[in-house]
Amino acid sequence: MPHPLAQYIDHTILKPATLVKDVQQLCDEAKLFEFCAVCIPPNFVKLAKNFLGDSSVKVATVIGFPFGYSAIEAKVAETCLALVDGADELDMVINISALKNKDYQYLVDEITPIVNMVHNKQKCLKVIIESGILTEDEIIKCCEIYSLAGIDFLKTSTGYAEKGATLDAVKLFKKNLHKSIKIKASGGIKTKAFAEELIAVGADRLGCSSSVLICSN
């Protein structure tokens, strides 16, 4: 019987020096605990698909990670390659600089081709806004833009900023997102108690590198 939290978890390894054996271990743990997905660097998508075999665990990867300032064309190319390699879910970092500069049209131009590509392949798109370094008004604006874009999940954090997921951010997402869009909390989720609190206030998915510890209690 899987742990009740396992179905919420994207079991994650995104460190720059990720090894093949790390991905193998991640996939083995994901199968054992029945996590929802593994989230791995793009160059390991094919390998993870192979390691997971016919299990129900999905393969997620990242686009424009971790800082989000890649050109739109680069993100489109990364998305295309990830889909060709077999990714089931794609977690894309927005251009945070464009948001901070109030260049909202850029964000629309960025998300439109990517959401279309992903949905044309019947795959899942999560958009990372790095809520820990945004103002409340900026988060609300993101909820508006990405609700209209029709993404699948809005995600709090990459785990690389100074502040990760918070209950307040998830509550703000929940209040301002279209009801069809789900919420992924990530960054700094290290305990079962915090995981449960995030779900209680509206998180539908959790990005965790401490997944095994969380689900071993």
N, C-alpha and C. Protein backbone atom coordinates (compact mmCIF):
# COMPACT_ATOMS: atom_id res chain seq x y z
N MET A 1 0.85 -1.20 0.00
CA MET A 1 0.00 0.00 0.00
C MET A 1 0.88 1.26 0.00
N PRO A 2 0.80 2.10 -1.05
CA PRO A 2 1.65 3.29 -1.11
C PRO A 2 1.27 4.29 -0.02
N HIS A 3 2.24 5.09 0.37
CA HIS A 3 2.01 6.16 1.34
C HIS A 3 1.00 7.15 0.76
N PRO A 4 0.08 7.69 1.58
CA PRO A 4 -0.93 8.62 1.06
C PRO A 4 -0.36 9.84 0.33
N LEU A 5 0.85 10.25 0.68
CA LEU A 5 1.44 11.42 0.03
C LEU A 5 2.10 11.09 -1.31
N ALA A 6 2.38 9.82 -1.55
CA ALA A 6 3.16 9.43 -2.74
C ALA A 6 2.52 9.90 -4.04
N GLN A 7 1.20 9.85 -4.10
CA GLN A 7 0.49 10.21 -5.33
C GLN A 7 0.64 11.70 -5.68
N TYR A 8 1.07 12.50 -4.70
CA TYR A 8 1.24 13.93 -4.93
C TYR A 8 2.65 14.30 -5.38
N ILE A 9 3.58 13.38 -5.27
CA ILE A 9 5.00 13.75 -5.33
C ILE A 9 5.66 13.54 -6.69
N ASP A 10 6.35 14.60 -7.14
CA ASP A 10 7.31 14.49 -8.24
C ASP A 10 8.68 14.29 -7.57
N HIS A 11 9.19 13.08 -7.63
CA HIS A 11 10.47 12.73 -6.99
C HIS A 11 11.58 13.34 -7.85
N THR A 12 12.36 14.24 -7.26
CA THR A 12 13.15 15.18 -8.06
C THR A 12 14.65 15.12 -7.80
N ILE A 13 15.41 15.16 -8.90
CA ILE A 13 16.84 15.43 -8.81
C ILE A 13 17.22 16.34 -9.98
N LEU A 14 17.69 17.54 -9.67
CA LEU A 14 18.01 18.51 -10.71
C LEU A 14 19.35 19.20 -10.47
N LYS A 15 20.20 18.56 -9.67
CA LYS A 15 21.51 19.17 -9.39
C LYS A 15 22.38 19.12 -10.65
N PRO A 16 23.28 20.10 -10.81
CA PRO A 16 24.10 20.16 -12.03
C PRO A 16 24.95 18.92 -12.28
N ALA A 17 25.41 18.27 -11.21
CA ALA A 17 26.31 17.12 -11.36
C ALA A 17 25.58 15.79 -11.22
N THR A 18 24.33 15.74 -11.65
CA THR A 18 23.55 14.50 -11.58
C THR A 18 24.24 13.39 -12.37
N LEU A 19 24.33 12.21 -11.76
CA LEU A 19 24.96 11.05 -12.38
C LEU A 19 23.90 10.05 -12.86
N VAL A 20 24.30 9.19 -13.78
CA VAL A 20 23.40 8.14 -14.26
C VAL A 20 22.89 7.31 -13.09
N LYS A 21 23.80 6.97 -12.15
CA LYS A 21 23.40 6.14 -11.01
C LYS A 21 22.38 6.87 -10.12
N ASP A 22 22.44 8.21 -10.10
CA ASP A 22 21.46 9.00 -9.34
C ASP A 22 20.07 8.86 -9.96
N VAL A 23 20.03 8.91 -11.28
CA VAL A 23 18.75 8.79 -12.00
C VAL A 23 18.19 7.37 -11.83
N GLN A 24 19.08 6.39 -11.89
CA GLN A 24 18.66 5.00 -11.67
C GLN A 24 18.04 4.84 -10.28
N GLN A 25 18.71 5.39 -9.27
CA GLN A 25 18.20 5.30 -7.90
C GLN A 25 16.85 6.03 -7.77
N LEU A 26 16.77 7.21 -8.36
CA LEU A 26 15.54 7.99 -8.31
C LEU A 26 14.37 7.20 -8.90
N CYS A 27 14.60 6.59 -10.05
CA CYS A 27 13.55 5.82 -10.72
C CYS A 27 13.18 4.57 -9.92
N ASP A 28 14.17 3.91 -9.35
CA ASP A 28 13.90 2.73 -8.51
C ASP A 28 13.05 3.11 -7.30
N GLU A 29 13.40 4.23 -6.68
CA GLU A 29 12.63 4.71 -5.52
C GLU A 29 11.21 5.10 -5.93
N ALA A 30 11.10 5.74 -7.09
CA ALA A 30 9.77 6.16 -7.56
C ALA A 30 8.86 4.96 -7.80
N LYS A 31 9.43 3.91 -8.37
CA LYS A 31 8.63 2.69 -8.58
C LYS A 31 8.26 2.03 -7.26
N LEU A 32 9.20 1.99 -6.33
CA LEU A 32 8.97 1.36 -5.03
C LEU A 32 7.89 2.09 -4.24
N PHE A 33 7.99 3.41 -4.20
CA PHE A 33 7.05 4.21 -3.39
C PHE A 33 5.79 4.60 -4.16
N GLU A 34 5.81 4.37 -5.48
CA GLU A 34 4.69 4.73 -6.37
C GLU A 34 4.43 6.23 -6.38
N PHE A 35 5.54 6.99 -6.56
CA PHE A 35 5.41 8.43 -6.71
C PHE A 35 4.73 8.75 -8.04
N CYS A 36 4.19 9.95 -8.14
CA CYS A 36 3.49 10.33 -9.37
C CYS A 36 4.44 10.41 -10.56
N ALA A 37 5.61 11.03 -10.32
CA ALA A 37 6.56 11.26 -11.41
C ALA A 37 7.97 11.36 -10.86
N VAL A 38 8.94 11.22 -11.77
CA VAL A 38 10.31 11.65 -11.48
C VAL A 38 10.54 12.92 -12.27
N CYS A 39 11.29 13.86 -11.69
CA CYS A 39 11.63 15.09 -12.40
C CYS A 39 13.15 15.15 -12.50
N ILE A 40 13.64 15.14 -13.74
CA ILE A 40 15.07 14.97 -13.98
C ILE A 40 15.56 15.95 -15.06
N PRO A 41 16.88 16.18 -15.13
CA PRO A 41 17.41 17.05 -16.18
C PRO A 41 17.06 16.50 -17.58
N PRO A 42 16.94 17.39 -18.58
CA PRO A 42 16.49 16.96 -19.91
C PRO A 42 17.33 15.87 -20.55
N ASN A 43 18.64 15.88 -20.28
CA ASN A 43 19.51 14.90 -20.94
C ASN A 43 19.29 13.48 -20.43
N PHE A 44 18.48 13.32 -19.38
CA PHE A 44 18.22 11.99 -18.82
C PHE A 44 16.81 11.47 -19.12
N VAL A 45 16.05 12.17 -19.93
CA VAL A 45 14.66 11.75 -20.18
C VAL A 45 14.58 10.35 -20.77
N LYS A 46 15.34 10.10 -21.82
CA LYS A 46 15.31 8.77 -22.45
C LYS A 46 15.73 7.68 -21.47
N LEU A 47 16.76 7.97 -20.71
CA LEU A 47 17.27 7.00 -19.74
C LEU A 47 16.23 6.70 -18.67
N ALA A 48 15.58 7.74 -18.17
CA ALA A 48 14.55 7.55 -17.14
C ALA A 48 13.38 6.73 -17.67
N LYS A 49 12.99 6.99 -18.92
CA LYS A 49 11.92 6.19 -19.52
C LYS A 49 12.30 4.72 -19.53
N ASN A 50 13.56 4.45 -19.83
CA ASN A 50 14.05 3.08 -19.87
C ASN A 50 14.07 2.46 -18.47
N PHE A 51 14.57 3.22 -17.50
CA PHE A 51 14.64 2.72 -16.12
C PHE A 51 13.25 2.44 -15.55
N LEU A 52 12.27 3.27 -15.93
CA LEU A 52 10.92 3.11 -15.37
C LEU A 52 10.13 2.00 -16.06
N GLY A 53 10.52 1.67 -17.28
CA GLY A 53 9.86 0.57 -17.99
C GLY A 53 8.36 0.78 -18.11
N ASP A 54 7.60 -0.25 -17.74
CA ASP A 54 6.15 -0.17 -17.89
C ASP A 54 5.46 0.28 -16.60
N SER A 55 6.20 0.90 -15.68
CA SER A 55 5.58 1.39 -14.44
C SER A 55 4.67 2.58 -14.76
N SER A 56 3.85 2.95 -13.80
CA SER A 56 2.91 4.07 -13.99
C SER A 56 3.55 5.42 -13.69
N VAL A 57 4.81 5.43 -13.25
CA VAL A 57 5.50 6.68 -12.90
C VAL A 57 5.77 7.49 -14.17
N LYS A 58 5.41 8.77 -14.16
CA LYS A 58 5.63 9.64 -15.31
C LYS A 58 7.04 10.23 -15.27
N VAL A 59 7.49 10.65 -16.45
CA VAL A 59 8.78 11.34 -16.55
C VAL A 59 8.54 12.82 -16.80
N ALA A 60 9.03 13.63 -15.87
CA ALA A 60 8.96 15.09 -16.01
C ALA A 60 10.37 15.63 -16.19
N THR A 61 10.47 16.71 -16.95
CA THR A 61 11.76 17.38 -17.10
C THR A 61 11.55 18.89 -17.10
N VAL A 62 12.64 19.64 -17.19
CA VAL A 62 12.57 21.09 -17.03
C VAL A 62 12.98 21.81 -18.31
N ILE A 63 12.39 22.99 -18.48
CA ILE A 63 12.65 23.85 -19.64
C ILE A 63 13.06 25.23 -19.14
N GLY A 64 14.15 25.78 -19.71
CA GLY A 64 14.60 27.11 -19.30
C GLY A 64 15.03 27.14 -17.84
N PHE A 65 15.52 26.05 -17.36
CA PHE A 65 15.82 25.87 -15.93
C PHE A 65 17.29 26.20 -15.64
N PRO A 66 17.60 26.84 -14.50
CA PRO A 66 16.67 27.27 -13.45
C PRO A 66 16.28 28.75 -13.47
N PHE A 67 16.86 29.55 -14.36
CA PHE A 67 16.69 31.01 -14.23
C PHE A 67 15.66 31.60 -15.18
N GLY A 68 15.26 30.86 -16.21
CA GLY A 68 14.14 31.29 -17.04
C GLY A 68 14.44 32.31 -18.11
N TYR A 69 15.69 32.77 -18.21
CA TYR A 69 15.93 33.86 -19.16
C TYR A 69 16.45 33.39 -20.53
N SER A 70 16.33 32.10 -20.82
CA SER A 70 16.63 31.63 -22.18
C SER A 70 15.67 32.31 -23.17
N ALA A 71 16.14 32.48 -24.41
CA ALA A 71 15.28 33.04 -25.45
C ALA A 71 14.06 32.15 -25.68
N ILE A 72 12.99 32.74 -26.16
CA ILE A 72 11.78 31.95 -26.46
C ILE A 72 12.12 30.81 -27.40
N GLU A 73 12.93 31.12 -28.42
CA GLU A 73 13.28 30.09 -29.41
C GLU A 73 14.01 28.92 -28.77
N ALA A 74 14.85 29.24 -27.78
CA ALA A 74 15.59 28.19 -27.07
C ALA A 74 14.64 27.32 -26.26
N LYS A 75 13.68 27.95 -25.59
CA LYS A 75 12.71 27.18 -24.81
C LYS A 75 11.83 26.30 -25.71
N VAL A 76 11.47 26.85 -26.85
CA VAL A 76 10.69 26.06 -27.82
C VAL A 76 11.49 24.84 -28.28
N ALA A 77 12.78 25.06 -28.56
CA ALA A 77 13.63 23.94 -28.99
C ALA A 77 13.79 22.90 -27.88
N GLU A 78 13.98 23.37 -26.65
CA GLU A 78 14.08 22.44 -25.51
C GLU A 78 12.79 21.63 -25.35
N THR A 79 11.67 22.31 -25.51
CA THR A 79 10.37 21.64 -25.39
C THR A 79 10.21 20.57 -26.45
N CYS A 80 10.58 20.92 -27.68
CA CYS A 80 10.48 19.96 -28.80
C CYS A 80 11.32 18.72 -28.52
N LEU A 81 12.55 18.93 -28.06
CA LEU A 81 13.44 17.80 -27.79
C LEU A 81 12.92 16.93 -26.65
N ALA A 82 12.42 17.59 -25.60
CA ALA A 82 11.89 16.83 -24.46
C ALA A 82 10.71 15.96 -24.88
N LEU A 83 9.86 16.50 -25.74
CA LEU A 83 8.72 15.72 -26.22
C LEU A 83 9.17 14.57 -27.10
N VAL A 84 10.13 14.83 -27.97
CA VAL A 84 10.67 13.76 -28.82
C VAL A 84 11.30 12.65 -27.98
N ASP A 85 11.98 13.05 -26.90
CA ASP A 85 12.63 12.06 -26.04
C ASP A 85 11.66 11.27 -25.17
N GLY A 86 10.40 11.75 -25.10
CA GLY A 86 9.39 10.98 -24.39
C GLY A 86 8.92 11.54 -23.06
N ALA A 87 9.22 12.81 -22.77
CA ALA A 87 8.77 13.40 -21.51
C ALA A 87 7.24 13.45 -21.46
N ASP A 88 6.70 13.11 -20.30
CA ASP A 88 5.25 13.17 -20.09
C ASP A 88 4.82 14.53 -19.57
N GLU A 89 5.70 15.17 -18.81
CA GLU A 89 5.39 16.45 -18.19
C GLU A 89 6.59 17.37 -18.32
N LEU A 90 6.32 18.66 -18.55
CA LEU A 90 7.40 19.63 -18.72
C LEU A 90 7.19 20.79 -17.77
N ASP A 91 8.22 21.11 -16.98
CA ASP A 91 8.18 22.19 -16.00
C ASP A 91 9.02 23.35 -16.53
N MET A 92 8.36 24.41 -17.00
CA MET A 92 9.06 25.51 -17.66
C MET A 92 9.16 26.73 -16.76
N VAL A 93 10.35 27.29 -16.66
CA VAL A 93 10.57 28.52 -15.90
C VAL A 93 10.25 29.71 -16.79
N ILE A 94 9.42 30.62 -16.28
CA ILE A 94 9.10 31.82 -17.06
C ILE A 94 10.29 32.78 -17.08
N ASN A 95 10.21 33.76 -17.97
CA ASN A 95 11.22 34.81 -17.99
C ASN A 95 10.87 35.80 -16.86
N ILE A 96 11.50 35.59 -15.71
CA ILE A 96 11.19 36.38 -14.52
C ILE A 96 11.56 37.84 -14.72
N SER A 97 12.61 38.09 -15.48
CA SER A 97 13.02 39.46 -15.78
C SER A 97 11.90 40.19 -16.53
N ALA A 98 11.28 39.50 -17.50
CA ALA A 98 10.17 40.11 -18.25
C ALA A 98 9.02 40.46 -17.32
N LEU A 99 8.73 39.57 -16.39
CA LEU A 99 7.66 39.85 -15.41
C LEU A 99 8.01 41.06 -14.56
N LYS A 100 9.24 41.08 -14.05
CA LYS A 100 9.66 42.19 -13.19
C LYS A 100 9.63 43.53 -13.94
N ASN A 101 9.86 43.48 -15.25
CA ASN A 101 9.84 44.68 -16.08
C ASN A 101 8.46 44.99 -16.64
N LYS A 102 7.48 44.20 -16.20
CA LYS A 102 6.07 44.37 -16.63
C LYS A 102 5.89 44.19 -18.14
N ASP A 103 6.74 43.36 -18.74
CA ASP A 103 6.60 43.07 -20.17
C ASP A 103 5.71 41.83 -20.31
N TYR A 104 4.44 42.04 -20.07
CA TYR A 104 3.50 40.92 -20.02
C TYR A 104 3.29 40.29 -21.39
N GLN A 105 3.39 41.10 -22.44
CA GLN A 105 3.23 40.55 -23.79
C GLN A 105 4.33 39.53 -24.09
N TYR A 106 5.53 39.79 -23.57
CA TYR A 106 6.61 38.81 -23.76
C TYR A 106 6.22 37.47 -23.15
N LEU A 107 5.64 37.51 -21.95
CA LEU A 107 5.26 36.27 -21.28
C LEU A 107 4.18 35.53 -22.06
N VAL A 108 3.26 36.28 -22.66
CA VAL A 108 2.23 35.66 -23.51
C VAL A 108 2.87 35.05 -24.75
N ASP A 109 3.79 35.79 -25.37
CA ASP A 109 4.47 35.29 -26.57
C ASP A 109 5.31 34.06 -26.26
N GLU A 110 5.84 34.01 -25.06
CA GLU A 110 6.67 32.88 -24.65
C GLU A 110 5.82 31.63 -24.40
N ILE A 111 4.72 31.77 -23.69
CA ILE A 111 3.95 30.60 -23.29
C ILE A 111 3.13 30.02 -24.44
N THR A 112 2.68 30.87 -25.36
CA THR A 112 1.73 30.42 -26.38
C THR A 112 2.24 29.26 -27.23
N PRO A 113 3.43 29.36 -27.85
CA PRO A 113 3.88 28.24 -28.68
C PRO A 113 4.17 26.99 -27.85
N ILE A 114 4.61 27.18 -26.62
CA ILE A 114 4.99 26.04 -25.78
C ILE A 114 3.77 25.28 -25.29
N VAL A 115 2.76 25.99 -24.83
CA VAL A 115 1.55 25.30 -24.38
C VAL A 115 0.88 24.58 -25.55
N ASN A 116 0.93 25.18 -26.73
CA ASN A 116 0.35 24.54 -27.91
C ASN A 116 1.09 23.26 -28.27
N MET A 117 2.43 23.32 -28.26
CA MET A 117 3.23 22.12 -28.57
C MET A 117 2.95 20.99 -27.60
N VAL A 118 2.94 21.33 -26.31
CA VAL A 118 2.76 20.31 -25.27
C VAL A 118 1.38 19.69 -25.35
N HIS A 119 0.37 20.51 -25.50
CA HIS A 119 -1.00 20.00 -25.54
C HIS A 119 -1.30 19.26 -26.84
N ASN A 120 -0.64 19.64 -27.92
CA ASN A 120 -0.82 18.89 -29.18
C ASN A 120 -0.34 17.45 -29.05
N LYS A 121 0.60 17.23 -28.12
CA LYS A 121 1.11 15.87 -27.86
C LYS A 121 0.40 15.23 -26.66
N GLN A 122 -0.66 15.89 -26.18
CA GLN A 122 -1.43 15.40 -25.02
C GLN A 122 -0.54 15.21 -23.78
N LYS A 123 0.40 16.11 -23.61
CA LYS A 123 1.28 16.07 -22.44
C LYS A 123 0.93 17.22 -21.49
N CYS A 124 1.63 17.28 -20.38
CA CYS A 124 1.30 18.19 -19.28
C CYS A 124 2.35 19.30 -19.16
N LEU A 125 1.88 20.55 -19.03
CA LEU A 125 2.79 21.69 -18.89
C LEU A 125 2.60 22.35 -17.52
N LYS A 126 3.72 22.42 -16.79
CA LYS A 126 3.75 23.15 -15.52
C LYS A 126 4.62 24.39 -15.72
N VAL A 127 4.17 25.51 -15.21
CA VAL A 127 4.89 26.77 -15.37
C VAL A 127 5.40 27.24 -14.02
N ILE A 128 6.71 27.45 -13.93
CA ILE A 128 7.37 27.85 -12.67
C ILE A 128 7.55 29.36 -12.67
N ILE A 129 7.03 30.02 -11.63
CA ILE A 129 7.12 31.49 -11.59
C ILE A 129 8.10 32.01 -10.54
N GLU A 130 8.64 31.14 -9.70
CA GLU A 130 9.58 31.53 -8.63
C GLU A 130 8.91 32.53 -7.67
N SER A 131 7.84 32.06 -7.05
CA SER A 131 6.99 32.92 -6.21
C SER A 131 7.74 33.56 -5.04
N GLY A 132 8.80 32.92 -4.56
CA GLY A 132 9.54 33.44 -3.41
C GLY A 132 10.24 34.75 -3.65
N ILE A 133 10.43 35.12 -4.92
CA ILE A 133 11.09 36.41 -5.22
C ILE A 133 10.14 37.38 -5.92
N LEU A 134 8.83 37.08 -5.87
CA LEU A 134 7.83 37.94 -6.49
C LEU A 134 7.01 38.66 -5.43
N THR A 135 6.45 39.80 -5.83
CA THR A 135 5.48 40.48 -4.97
C THR A 135 4.12 39.79 -5.12
N GLU A 136 3.23 40.12 -4.21
CA GLU A 136 1.88 39.55 -4.30
C GLU A 136 1.21 39.95 -5.61
N ASP A 137 1.37 41.19 -6.02
CA ASP A 137 0.78 41.66 -7.28
C ASP A 137 1.35 40.92 -8.48
N GLU A 138 2.65 40.62 -8.44
CA GLU A 138 3.27 39.87 -9.54
C GLU A 138 2.74 38.44 -9.61
N ILE A 139 2.53 37.84 -8.46
CA ILE A 139 1.95 36.48 -8.44
C ILE A 139 0.54 36.49 -9.01
N ILE A 140 -0.24 37.48 -8.61
CA ILE A 140 -1.62 37.59 -9.11
C ILE A 140 -1.62 37.79 -10.63
N LYS A 141 -0.69 38.60 -11.13
CA LYS A 141 -0.58 38.82 -12.58
C LYS A 141 -0.24 37.51 -13.29
N CYS A 142 0.65 36.73 -12.71
CA CYS A 142 0.98 35.41 -13.28
C CYS A 142 -0.25 34.51 -13.32
N CYS A 143 -1.01 34.52 -12.24
CA CYS A 143 -2.23 33.70 -12.21
C CYS A 143 -3.16 34.09 -13.36
N GLU A 144 -3.24 35.38 -13.62
CA GLU A 144 -4.09 35.88 -14.71
C GLU A 144 -3.57 35.43 -16.08
N ILE A 145 -2.27 35.67 -16.31
CA ILE A 145 -1.67 35.35 -17.62
C ILE A 145 -1.75 33.85 -17.91
N TYR A 146 -1.39 33.04 -16.92
CA TYR A 146 -1.28 31.61 -17.18
C TYR A 146 -2.62 30.88 -17.08
N SER A 147 -3.60 31.52 -16.43
CA SER A 147 -4.97 31.01 -16.51
C SER A 147 -5.49 31.16 -17.93
N LEU A 148 -5.26 32.34 -18.51
CA LEU A 148 -5.70 32.58 -19.89
C LEU A 148 -4.97 31.69 -20.88
N ALA A 149 -3.71 31.37 -20.58
CA ALA A 149 -2.91 30.52 -21.49
C ALA A 149 -3.37 29.06 -21.45
N GLY A 150 -4.04 28.67 -20.38
CA GLY A 150 -4.56 27.31 -20.30
C GLY A 150 -3.51 26.26 -19.98
N ILE A 151 -2.54 26.62 -19.13
CA ILE A 151 -1.53 25.64 -18.71
C ILE A 151 -2.18 24.60 -17.78
N ASP A 152 -1.42 23.58 -17.41
CA ASP A 152 -1.96 22.53 -16.55
C ASP A 152 -1.70 22.80 -15.06
N PHE A 153 -0.50 23.27 -14.75
CA PHE A 153 -0.12 23.57 -13.36
C PHE A 153 0.62 24.89 -13.31
N LEU A 154 0.40 25.67 -12.25
CA LEU A 154 1.30 26.76 -11.91
C LEU A 154 2.14 26.28 -10.73
N LYS A 155 3.43 26.47 -10.82
CA LYS A 155 4.38 25.90 -9.86
C LYS A 155 5.12 27.03 -9.14
N THR A 156 5.33 26.84 -7.85
CA THR A 156 5.89 27.92 -7.04
C THR A 156 7.34 28.24 -7.36
N SER A 157 8.20 27.20 -7.43
CA SER A 157 9.64 27.48 -7.31
C SER A 157 10.50 26.45 -8.05
N THR A 158 11.72 26.87 -8.35
CA THR A 158 12.71 25.95 -8.92
C THR A 158 13.47 25.20 -7.82
N GLY A 159 13.54 25.80 -6.64
CA GLY A 159 14.41 25.29 -5.58
C GLY A 159 15.77 25.97 -5.59
N TYR A 160 15.99 26.86 -6.56
CA TYR A 160 17.28 27.54 -6.67
C TYR A 160 17.26 28.97 -6.15
N ALA A 161 16.08 29.53 -5.91
CA ALA A 161 16.00 30.88 -5.34
C ALA A 161 16.16 30.78 -3.82
N GLU A 162 16.28 31.94 -3.19
CA GLU A 162 16.51 31.94 -1.75
C GLU A 162 15.28 31.52 -0.95
N LYS A 163 14.12 31.51 -1.60
CA LYS A 163 12.88 31.15 -0.90
C LYS A 163 12.07 30.20 -1.78
N GLY A 164 11.63 29.10 -1.21
CA GLY A 164 10.87 28.10 -1.97
C GLY A 164 9.38 28.22 -1.74
N ALA A 165 8.71 27.08 -1.66
CA ALA A 165 7.26 27.04 -1.50
C ALA A 165 6.85 27.59 -0.13
N THR A 166 5.73 28.31 -0.12
CA THR A 166 5.15 28.78 1.13
C THR A 166 3.65 28.53 1.10
N LEU A 167 3.06 28.43 2.28
CA LEU A 167 1.61 28.27 2.37
C LEU A 167 0.90 29.48 1.80
N ASP A 168 1.45 30.66 2.05
CA ASP A 168 0.82 31.89 1.56
C ASP A 168 0.79 31.94 0.03
N ALA A 169 1.88 31.50 -0.60
CA ALA A 169 1.91 31.49 -2.07
C ALA A 169 0.87 30.53 -2.63
N VAL A 170 0.77 29.35 -2.05
CA VAL A 170 -0.21 28.37 -2.53
C VAL A 170 -1.63 28.90 -2.35
N LYS A 171 -1.89 29.53 -1.22
CA LYS A 171 -3.21 30.13 -0.98
C LYS A 171 -3.52 31.21 -2.02
N LEU A 172 -2.52 32.02 -2.34
CA LEU A 172 -2.70 33.09 -3.33
C LEU A 172 -2.96 32.51 -4.72
N PHE A 173 -2.22 31.47 -5.07
CA PHE A 173 -2.47 30.75 -6.33
C PHE A 173 -3.93 30.28 -6.36
N LYS A 174 -4.33 29.61 -5.30
CA LYS A 174 -5.66 29.00 -5.23
C LYS A 174 -6.75 30.05 -5.40
N LYS A 175 -6.54 31.20 -4.82
CA LYS A 175 -7.54 32.27 -4.86
C LYS A 175 -7.65 32.89 -6.25
N ASN A 176 -6.53 32.93 -7.00
CA ASN A 176 -6.50 33.72 -8.24
C ASN A 176 -6.41 32.92 -9.53
N LEU A 177 -6.11 31.64 -9.45
CA LEU A 177 -6.04 30.82 -10.66
C LEU A 177 -7.43 30.36 -11.10
N HIS A 178 -7.58 30.15 -12.41
CA HIS A 178 -8.79 29.50 -12.91
C HIS A 178 -8.89 28.11 -12.28
N LYS A 179 -10.10 27.70 -11.99
CA LYS A 179 -10.31 26.43 -11.27
C LYS A 179 -9.78 25.21 -12.01
N SER A 180 -9.59 25.33 -13.33
CA SER A 180 -9.11 24.18 -14.12
C SER A 180 -7.61 23.96 -13.96
N ILE A 181 -6.91 24.96 -13.40
CA ILE A 181 -5.44 24.89 -13.33
C ILE A 181 -5.01 24.44 -11.94
N LYS A 182 -4.13 23.45 -11.92
CA LYS A 182 -3.67 22.88 -10.66
C LYS A 182 -2.43 23.61 -10.16
N ILE A 183 -2.06 23.27 -8.93
CA ILE A 183 -0.95 23.95 -8.26
C ILE A 183 0.12 22.94 -7.87
N LYS A 184 1.37 23.26 -8.22
CA LYS A 184 2.51 22.45 -7.77
C LYS A 184 3.38 23.30 -6.85
N ALA A 185 3.57 22.81 -5.64
CA ALA A 185 4.46 23.46 -4.69
C ALA A 185 5.80 22.74 -4.71
N SER A 186 6.88 23.51 -4.73
CA SER A 186 8.21 22.90 -4.72
C SER A 186 9.20 23.88 -4.11
N GLY A 187 10.32 23.33 -3.65
CA GLY A 187 11.36 24.15 -3.04
C GLY A 187 11.26 24.13 -1.53
N GLY A 188 12.14 23.37 -0.88
CA GLY A 188 12.23 23.37 0.57
C GLY A 188 11.22 22.49 1.29
N ILE A 189 10.61 21.55 0.57
CA ILE A 189 9.64 20.65 1.21
C ILE A 189 10.40 19.43 1.72
N LYS A 190 10.65 19.42 3.01
CA LYS A 190 11.53 18.39 3.57
C LYS A 190 10.86 17.52 4.63
N THR A 191 9.64 17.88 5.04
CA THR A 191 8.97 17.11 6.09
C THR A 191 7.56 16.72 5.68
N LYS A 192 7.09 15.65 6.26
CA LYS A 192 5.72 15.19 6.03
C LYS A 192 4.72 16.26 6.46
N ALA A 193 4.99 16.90 7.59
CA ALA A 193 4.07 17.91 8.13
C ALA A 193 3.89 19.07 7.15
N PHE A 194 5.01 19.57 6.59
CA PHE A 194 4.92 20.69 5.65
C PHE A 194 4.22 20.25 4.37
N ALA A 195 4.52 19.05 3.90
CA ALA A 195 3.85 18.51 2.71
C ALA A 195 2.34 18.48 2.91
N GLU A 196 1.91 17.99 4.05
CA GLU A 196 0.48 17.90 4.35
C GLU A 196 -0.16 19.27 4.45
N GLU A 197 0.57 20.23 5.01
CA GLU A 197 0.05 21.60 5.12
C GLU A 197 -0.16 22.22 3.74
N LEU A 198 0.80 21.99 2.84
CA LEU A 198 0.70 22.54 1.48
C LEU A 198 -0.51 21.96 0.74
N ILE A 199 -0.71 20.66 0.90
CA ILE A 199 -1.86 20.01 0.26
C ILE A 199 -3.16 20.55 0.85
N ALA A 200 -3.18 20.75 2.15
CA ALA A 200 -4.39 21.24 2.83
C ALA A 200 -4.84 22.61 2.32
N VAL A 201 -3.88 23.45 1.92
CA VAL A 201 -4.25 24.79 1.45
C VAL A 201 -4.39 24.87 -0.07
N GLY A 202 -4.18 23.74 -0.77
CA GLY A 202 -4.49 23.76 -2.20
C GLY A 202 -3.50 23.15 -3.16
N ALA A 203 -2.35 22.68 -2.69
CA ALA A 203 -1.37 22.09 -3.62
C ALA A 203 -1.88 20.74 -4.13
N ASP A 204 -1.78 20.54 -5.45
CA ASP A 204 -2.18 19.29 -6.08
C ASP A 204 -0.99 18.38 -6.35
N ARG A 205 0.21 18.97 -6.36
CA ARG A 205 1.44 18.21 -6.62
C ARG A 205 2.54 18.86 -5.80
N LEU A 206 3.53 18.03 -5.41
CA LEU A 206 4.67 18.50 -4.64
C LEU A 206 5.95 18.08 -5.34
N GLY A 207 6.86 19.01 -5.53
CA GLY A 207 8.18 18.69 -6.05
C GLY A 207 9.14 18.52 -4.88
N CYS A 208 9.68 17.33 -4.72
CA CYS A 208 10.49 17.01 -3.54
C CYS A 208 11.73 16.22 -3.91
N SER A 209 12.85 16.56 -3.26
CA SER A 209 14.03 15.70 -3.33
C SER A 209 14.14 14.86 -2.06
N SER A 210 13.35 15.23 -1.04
CA SER A 210 13.32 14.48 0.22
C SER A 210 12.12 13.53 0.27
N SER A 211 11.67 13.09 -0.89
CA SER A 211 10.45 12.30 -0.99
C SER A 211 10.48 11.02 -0.16
N VAL A 212 11.60 10.31 -0.20
CA VAL A 212 11.70 9.03 0.51
C VAL A 212 11.58 9.28 2.01
N LEU A 213 12.27 10.31 2.51
CA LEU A 213 12.18 10.65 3.92
C LEU A 213 10.74 11.02 4.32
N ILE A 214 10.09 11.82 3.48
CA ILE A 214 8.72 12.26 3.74
C ILE A 214 7.77 11.06 3.84
N CYS A 215 7.97 10.10 2.95
CA CYS A 215 7.05 8.96 2.87
C CYS A 215 7.52 7.74 3.68
N SER A 216 8.52 7.93 4.50
CA SER A 216 8.99 6.84 5.35
C SER A 216 8.51 7.01 6.78
N ASN A 217 7.67 8.01 7.02
CA ASN A 217 7.16 8.27 8.38
C ASN A 217 5.68 7.86 8.47
